[in-house]
Amino acid sequence: MNDFVVKDFGSKMPKSERLVLRLLTDSKSLTQEEIAEKTKLSERTVKYALKALVSGKLVFENASFCDMRRKNYSIKGGVKI
């Protein structure tokens, strides 16, 4: 798999998405609420950023085994910032 460098997006990627992606590279897996808490972004902004990152295939979305109503998000391998 080729490494995907986020810098190639330049200014096309919103700051909120870059912030969420950077946080996920430093963490194993986080919920939407944890991301909002750590980034100080609103939950709505985090939800929008995660939706874009998942659809762009930069982030995985997995069900939480502790609470199936929640989803965990983690970065895909080969993504570099």
C-alpha atoms as a PDB file:
ATOM      1  CA  MET A   1       0.000   0.000   0.000  1.00  0.00           C
ATOM      2  CA  ASN A   2       1.358   3.423  -0.915  1.00  0.00           C
ATOM      3  CA  ASP A   3       1.702   5.976   1.833  1.00  0.00           C
ATOM      4  CA  PHE A   4      -0.840   8.771   1.607  1.00  0.00           C
ATOM      5  CA  VAL A   5       0.501  12.177   2.555  1.00  0.00           C
ATOM      6  CA  VAL A   6      -2.116  14.596   3.870  1.00  0.00           C
ATOM      7  CA  LYS A   7       0.076  17.595   3.027  1.00  0.00           C
ATOM      8  CA  ASP A   8      -0.840  16.953  -0.618  1.00  0.00           C
ATOM      9  CA  PHE A   9      -4.303  18.344   0.150  1.00  0.00           C
ATOM     10  CA  GLY A  10      -2.812  21.688   1.145  1.00  0.00           C
ATOM     11  CA  SER A  11      -5.493  24.222   1.928  1.00  0.00           C
ATOM     12  CA  LYS A  12      -8.298  22.057   0.522  1.00  0.00           C
ATOM     13  CA  MET A  13      -8.767  20.189   3.807  1.00  0.00           C
ATOM     14  CA  PRO A  14     -10.518  22.262   6.499  1.00  0.00           C
ATOM     15  CA  LYS A  15      -8.622  22.952   9.720  1.00  0.00           C
ATOM     16  CA  SER A  16     -11.092  20.909  11.748  1.00  0.00           C
ATOM     17  CA  GLU A  17     -10.433  17.814   9.622  1.00  0.00           C
ATOM     18  CA  ARG A  18      -6.666  18.279   9.886  1.00  0.00           C
ATOM     19  CA  LEU A  19      -6.952  18.685  13.663  1.00  0.00           C
ATOM     20  CA  VAL A  20      -9.043  15.513  14.032  1.00  0.00           C
ATOM     21  CA  LEU A  21      -6.709  13.571  11.742  1.00  0.00           C
ATOM     22  CA  ARG A  22      -3.641  14.737  13.666  1.00  0.00           C
ATOM     23  CA  LEU A  23      -5.255  13.684  16.966  1.00  0.00           C
ATOM     24  CA  LEU A  24      -6.101  10.254  15.584  1.00  0.00           C
ATOM     25  CA  THR A  25      -2.500   9.709  14.459  1.00  0.00           C
ATOM     26  CA  ASP A  26      -1.417  10.159  18.095  1.00  0.00           C
ATOM     27  CA  SER A  27      -4.192   7.932  19.497  1.00  0.00           C
ATOM     28  CA  LYS A  28      -5.116   4.333  18.919  1.00  0.00           C
ATOM     29  CA  SER A  29      -8.895   4.777  18.722  1.00  0.00           C
ATOM     30  CA  LEU A  30     -11.283   7.472  19.950  1.00  0.00           C
ATOM     31  CA  THR A  31     -15.022   8.123  20.072  1.00  0.00           C
ATOM     32  CA  GLN A  32     -16.615  11.268  18.656  1.00  0.00           C
ATOM     33  CA  GLU A  33     -17.105  12.611  22.182  1.00  0.00           C
ATOM     34  CA  GLU A  34     -13.465  12.008  23.110  1.00  0.00           C
ATOM     35  CA  ILE A  35     -12.300  13.784  19.965  1.00  0.00           C
ATOM     36  CA  ALA A  36     -14.542  16.776  20.707  1.00  0.00           C
ATOM     37  CA  GLU A  37     -13.251  16.941  24.280  1.00  0.00           C
ATOM     38  CA  LYS A  38      -9.578  16.739  23.306  1.00  0.00           C
ATOM     39  CA  THR A  39      -9.768  19.160  20.365  1.00  0.00           C
ATOM     40  CA  LYS A  40     -12.202  21.621  22.014  1.00  0.00           C
ATOM     41  CA  LEU A  41     -14.287  21.506  18.821  1.00  0.00           C
ATOM     42  CA  SER A  42     -18.065  21.237  18.991  1.00  0.00           C
ATOM     43  CA  GLU A  43     -19.537  17.753  18.577  1.00  0.00           C
ATOM     44  CA  ARG A  44     -21.272  18.902  15.403  1.00  0.00           C
ATOM     45  CA  THR A  45     -17.961  20.070  13.887  1.00  0.00           C
ATOM     46  CA  VAL A  46     -16.283  16.806  14.865  1.00  0.00           C
ATOM     47  CA  LYS A  47     -19.172  14.813  13.380  1.00  0.00           C
ATOM     48  CA  TYR A  48     -18.852  16.695  10.084  1.00  0.00           C
ATOM     49  CA  ALA A  49     -15.047  16.296  10.033  1.00  0.00           C
ATOM     50  CA  LEU A  50     -15.275  12.566  10.758  1.00  0.00           C
ATOM     51  CA  LYS A  51     -17.899  12.082   8.054  1.00  0.00           C
ATOM     52  CA  ALA A  52     -15.585  13.717   5.504  1.00  0.00           C
ATOM     53  CA  LEU A  53     -12.532  11.736   6.683  1.00  0.00           C
ATOM     54  CA  VAL A  54     -14.401   8.423   6.614  1.00  0.00           C
ATOM     55  CA  SER A  55     -15.817   9.118   3.137  1.00  0.00           C
ATOM     56  CA  GLY A  56     -12.319  10.127   2.001  1.00  0.00           C
ATOM     57  CA  LYS A  57     -11.085   6.758   3.277  1.00  0.00           C
ATOM     58  CA  LEU A  58      -8.554   8.316   5.656  1.00  0.00           C
ATOM     59  CA  VAL A  59     -10.261   7.100   8.849  1.00  0.00           C
ATOM     60  CA  PHE A  60     -11.905   3.810   9.890  1.00  0.00           C
ATOM     61  CA  GLU A  61     -15.258   3.780  11.661  1.00  0.00           C
ATOM     62  CA  ASN A  62     -15.812   0.796  13.972  1.00  0.00           C
ATOM     63  CA  ALA A  63     -18.537  -0.124  16.440  1.00  0.00           C
ATOM     64  CA  SER A  64     -17.558   0.062  20.097  1.00  0.00           C
ATOM     65  CA  PHE A  65     -17.781  -3.304  21.857  1.00  0.00           C
ATOM     66  CA  CYS A  66     -18.508  -1.583  25.174  1.00  0.00           C
ATOM     67  CA  ASP A  67     -21.501   0.329  23.793  1.00  0.00           C
ATOM     68  CA  MET A  68     -22.772  -0.618  20.342  1.00  0.00           C
ATOM     69  CA  ARG A  69     -24.479   2.780  19.995  1.00  0.00           C
ATOM     70  CA  ARG A  70     -21.096   4.488  19.872  1.00  0.00           C
ATOM     71  CA  LYS A  71     -18.471   4.323  17.171  1.00  0.00           C
ATOM     72  CA  ASN A  72     -14.712   4.346  17.498  1.00  0.00           C
ATOM     73  CA  TYR A  73     -12.557   6.091  14.941  1.00  0.00           C
ATOM     74  CA  SER A  74      -8.992   5.249  14.040  1.00  0.00           C
ATOM     75  CA  ILE A  75      -6.602   6.287  11.326  1.00  0.00           C
ATOM     76  CA  LYS A  76      -5.881   4.023   8.386  1.00  0.00           C
ATOM     77  CA  GLY A  77      -2.383   2.682   7.976  1.00  0.00           C
ATOM     78  CA  GLY A  78      -0.127   4.536   5.566  1.00  0.00           C
ATOM     79  CA  VAL A  79      -1.597   7.985   6.255  1.00  0.00           C
ATOM     80  CA  LYS A  80       1.091  10.556   7.037  1.00  0.00           C
ATOM     81  CA  ILE A  81       0.679  14.135   8.114  1.00  0.00           C
END
